[in-house]
N, C-alpha and C. Protein backbone atom coordinates (compact mmCIF):
# COMPACT_ATOMS: atom_id res chain seq x y z
N UNK A 1 0.82 -1.19 0.00
CA UNK A 1 0.00 0.00 0.00
C UNK A 1 0.86 1.26 0.00
N UNK A 2 1.92 1.24 0.76
CA UNK A 2 2.74 2.43 0.88
C UNK A 2 3.48 2.78 -0.40
N UNK A 3 4.00 1.76 -1.09
CA UNK A 3 4.76 2.02 -2.32
C UNK A 3 3.86 2.60 -3.40
N UNK A 4 2.68 2.04 -3.59
CA UNK A 4 1.77 2.58 -4.61
C UNK A 4 1.27 3.97 -4.22
N UNK A 5 1.14 4.24 -2.93
CA UNK A 5 0.72 5.58 -2.49
C UNK A 5 1.80 6.61 -2.77
N UNK A 6 3.06 6.21 -2.64
CA UNK A 6 4.15 7.13 -2.96
C UNK A 6 4.17 7.43 -4.46
N UNK A 7 3.93 6.41 -5.28
CA UNK A 7 3.86 6.63 -6.73
C UNK A 7 2.71 7.56 -7.08
N UNK A 8 1.59 7.38 -6.42
CA UNK A 8 0.44 8.25 -6.65
C UNK A 8 0.74 9.67 -6.22
N UNK A 9 1.46 9.83 -5.12
CA UNK A 9 1.80 11.16 -4.62
C UNK A 9 2.68 11.91 -5.62
N UNK A 10 3.57 11.20 -6.29
CA UNK A 10 4.50 11.83 -7.21
C UNK A 10 3.89 12.10 -8.59
N UNK A 11 2.78 11.47 -8.90
CA UNK A 11 2.13 11.66 -10.20
C UNK A 11 1.12 12.81 -10.10
N UNK A 12 1.32 13.91 -10.83
CA UNK A 12 0.40 15.06 -10.70
C UNK A 12 -0.98 14.81 -11.28
N UNK A 13 -1.14 13.81 -12.16
CA UNK A 13 -2.44 13.53 -12.78
C UNK A 13 -3.21 12.42 -12.08
N UNK A 14 -2.60 11.79 -11.08
CA UNK A 14 -3.26 10.68 -10.39
C UNK A 14 -4.41 11.21 -9.54
N UNK A 15 -5.45 10.40 -9.45
CA UNK A 15 -6.63 10.77 -8.65
C UNK A 15 -6.79 9.76 -7.53
N UNK A 16 -7.23 10.25 -6.36
CA UNK A 16 -7.44 9.43 -5.17
C UNK A 16 -8.90 9.54 -4.78
N UNK A 17 -9.52 8.42 -4.46
CA UNK A 17 -10.91 8.45 -4.00
C UNK A 17 -10.87 8.47 -2.47
N UNK A 18 -11.35 9.56 -1.90
CA UNK A 18 -11.36 9.76 -0.46
C UNK A 18 -12.77 10.12 -0.04
N UNK A 19 -13.39 9.26 0.77
CA UNK A 19 -14.77 9.44 1.21
C UNK A 19 -15.74 9.51 0.03
N UNK A 20 -15.46 8.73 -0.99
CA UNK A 20 -16.35 8.65 -2.14
C UNK A 20 -16.18 9.78 -3.15
N UNK A 21 -15.21 10.67 -2.94
CA UNK A 21 -14.99 11.79 -3.84
C UNK A 21 -13.63 11.61 -4.51
N UNK A 22 -13.60 11.69 -5.83
CA UNK A 22 -12.36 11.56 -6.57
C UNK A 22 -11.63 12.90 -6.55
N UNK A 23 -10.43 12.90 -5.96
CA UNK A 23 -9.66 14.14 -5.80
C UNK A 23 -8.24 13.92 -6.29
N UNK A 24 -7.59 15.02 -6.69
CA UNK A 24 -6.18 14.92 -7.08
C UNK A 24 -5.32 15.95 -6.35
N UNK A 25 -5.77 16.45 -5.23
CA UNK A 25 -4.98 17.42 -4.46
C UNK A 25 -3.97 16.69 -3.56
N UNK A 26 -2.98 17.43 -3.11
CA UNK A 26 -1.90 16.85 -2.31
C UNK A 26 -2.39 16.34 -0.96
N UNK A 27 -3.37 16.98 -0.38
CA UNK A 27 -3.87 16.56 0.93
C UNK A 27 -4.46 15.15 0.88
N UNK A 28 -5.23 14.86 -0.14
CA UNK A 28 -5.82 13.54 -0.28
C UNK A 28 -4.74 12.49 -0.54
N UNK A 29 -3.74 12.86 -1.32
CA UNK A 29 -2.66 11.92 -1.61
C UNK A 29 -1.80 11.67 -0.38
N UNK A 30 -1.58 12.69 0.45
CA UNK A 30 -0.80 12.50 1.68
C UNK A 30 -1.50 11.57 2.66
N UNK A 31 -2.82 11.61 2.67
CA UNK A 31 -3.58 10.69 3.53
C UNK A 31 -3.27 9.25 3.14
N UNK A 32 -3.20 8.99 1.84
CA UNK A 32 -2.87 7.65 1.37
C UNK A 32 -1.45 7.23 1.68
N UNK A 33 -0.56 8.18 1.90
CA UNK A 33 0.83 7.87 2.24
C UNK A 33 0.98 7.67 3.75
N UNK A 34 0.34 8.52 4.55
CA UNK A 34 0.55 8.49 5.99
C UNK A 34 -0.18 7.36 6.69
N UNK A 35 -1.32 6.95 6.23
CA UNK A 35 -2.08 5.89 6.91
C UNK A 35 -1.29 4.58 6.94
N UNK A 36 -0.74 4.08 5.83
CA UNK A 36 0.07 2.85 5.93
C UNK A 36 1.32 3.03 6.79
N UNK A 37 1.92 4.22 6.75
CA UNK A 37 3.11 4.47 7.56
C UNK A 37 2.77 4.40 9.05
N UNK A 38 1.68 5.00 9.44
CA UNK A 38 1.27 5.00 10.85
C UNK A 38 0.93 3.57 11.31
N UNK A 39 0.23 2.83 10.48
CA UNK A 39 -0.13 1.45 10.83
C UNK A 39 1.13 0.59 10.97
N UNK A 40 2.10 0.79 10.09
CA UNK A 40 3.34 0.04 10.15
C UNK A 40 4.13 0.36 11.42
N UNK A 41 4.21 1.62 11.78
CA UNK A 41 4.95 2.02 12.98
C UNK A 41 4.29 1.46 14.23
N UNK A 42 2.98 1.55 14.31
CA UNK A 42 2.26 1.02 15.48
C UNK A 42 2.43 -0.50 15.57
N UNK A 43 2.33 -1.19 14.46
CA UNK A 43 2.52 -2.65 14.46
C UNK A 43 3.92 -3.04 14.85
N UNK A 44 4.92 -2.31 14.35
CA UNK A 44 6.31 -2.58 14.70
C UNK A 44 6.54 -2.34 16.19
N UNK A 45 5.96 -1.26 16.73
CA UNK A 45 6.10 -0.97 18.15
C UNK A 45 5.46 -2.07 18.99
N UNK A 46 4.29 -2.55 18.58
CA UNK A 46 3.62 -3.61 19.33
C UNK A 46 4.42 -4.91 19.30
N UNK A 47 5.10 -5.18 18.19
CA UNK A 47 5.92 -6.40 18.10
C UNK A 47 7.13 -6.33 19.03
N UNK A 48 7.71 -5.16 19.18
CA UNK A 48 8.92 -5.02 19.99
C UNK A 48 8.65 -4.71 21.46
N UNK A 49 7.42 -4.36 21.80
CA UNK A 49 7.14 -3.96 23.18
C UNK A 49 7.09 -5.17 24.11
N UNK A 50 7.41 -4.92 25.34
CA UNK A 50 7.39 -5.96 26.36
C UNK A 50 5.99 -6.07 26.95
N UNK A 51 5.70 -7.16 27.59
CA UNK A 51 4.39 -7.38 28.18
C UNK A 51 4.04 -6.38 29.25
N UNK A 52 5.05 -5.93 30.00
CA UNK A 52 4.80 -4.99 31.09
C UNK A 52 4.32 -3.63 30.55
N UNK A 53 4.91 -3.18 29.44
CA UNK A 53 4.48 -1.89 28.89
C UNK A 53 3.08 -1.99 28.33
N UNK A 54 2.72 -3.14 27.77
CA UNK A 54 1.35 -3.31 27.27
C UNK A 54 0.36 -3.37 28.43
N UNK A 55 0.78 -3.97 29.55
CA UNK A 55 -0.07 -4.00 30.73
C UNK A 55 -0.30 -2.59 31.26
N UNK A 56 0.75 -1.78 31.29
CA UNK A 56 0.61 -0.39 31.73
C UNK A 56 -0.29 0.39 30.79
N UNK A 57 -0.18 0.15 29.49
CA UNK A 57 -1.05 0.81 28.52
C UNK A 57 -2.50 0.41 28.74
N UNK A 58 -2.73 -0.87 29.01
CA UNK A 58 -4.09 -1.35 29.27
C UNK A 58 -4.66 -0.72 30.54
N UNK A 59 -3.84 -0.59 31.57
CA UNK A 59 -4.31 0.04 32.82
C UNK A 59 -4.65 1.51 32.60
N UNK A 60 -3.83 2.20 31.82
CA UNK A 60 -4.11 3.61 31.53
C UNK A 60 -5.40 3.75 30.74
N UNK A 61 -5.61 2.85 29.78
CA UNK A 61 -6.84 2.89 28.99
C UNK A 61 -8.06 2.62 29.87
N UNK A 62 -7.96 1.65 30.76
CA UNK A 62 -9.07 1.33 31.65
C UNK A 62 -9.38 2.49 32.60
N UNK A 63 -8.35 3.15 33.11
CA UNK A 63 -8.61 4.27 34.02
C UNK A 63 -9.24 5.45 33.26
N UNK A 64 -8.86 5.63 31.99
CA UNK A 64 -9.47 6.70 31.19
C UNK A 64 -10.95 6.41 30.96
N UNK A 65 -11.29 5.19 30.55
CA UNK A 65 -12.69 4.87 30.25
C UNK A 65 -13.53 4.73 31.51
N UNK A 66 -12.89 4.54 32.67
CA UNK A 66 -13.66 4.44 33.91
C UNK A 66 -14.33 5.77 34.25
N UNK A 67 -13.79 6.87 33.72
CA UNK A 67 -14.42 8.16 33.94
C UNK A 67 -15.82 8.18 33.33
N UNK A 68 -15.96 7.57 32.16
CA UNK A 68 -17.23 7.58 31.44
C UNK A 68 -18.16 6.47 31.86
N UNK A 69 -17.60 5.36 32.36
CA UNK A 69 -18.44 4.22 32.74
C UNK A 69 -18.60 4.08 34.25
N UNK A 70 -18.01 4.97 34.99
CA UNK A 70 -18.08 5.02 36.46
C UNK A 70 -17.82 3.66 37.11
N UNK A 71 -16.68 3.09 36.79
CA UNK A 71 -16.28 1.82 37.41
C UNK A 71 -15.57 2.08 38.71
């Protein structure tokens, strides 16, 4: 996904469909480049993280949502 998005970004005539609208502006093309990059970085971080850091992340998430669910 990332390689084809970079090719699309460099082609001035390429069109990107974003939310059902065909666009060829740089903002729409950057969305197609950044989404795979962000997903790759998060996945790589999750692969390298230790169990303790994931446990701390889960505890922080639970304490945040407890505000709304009054646990």
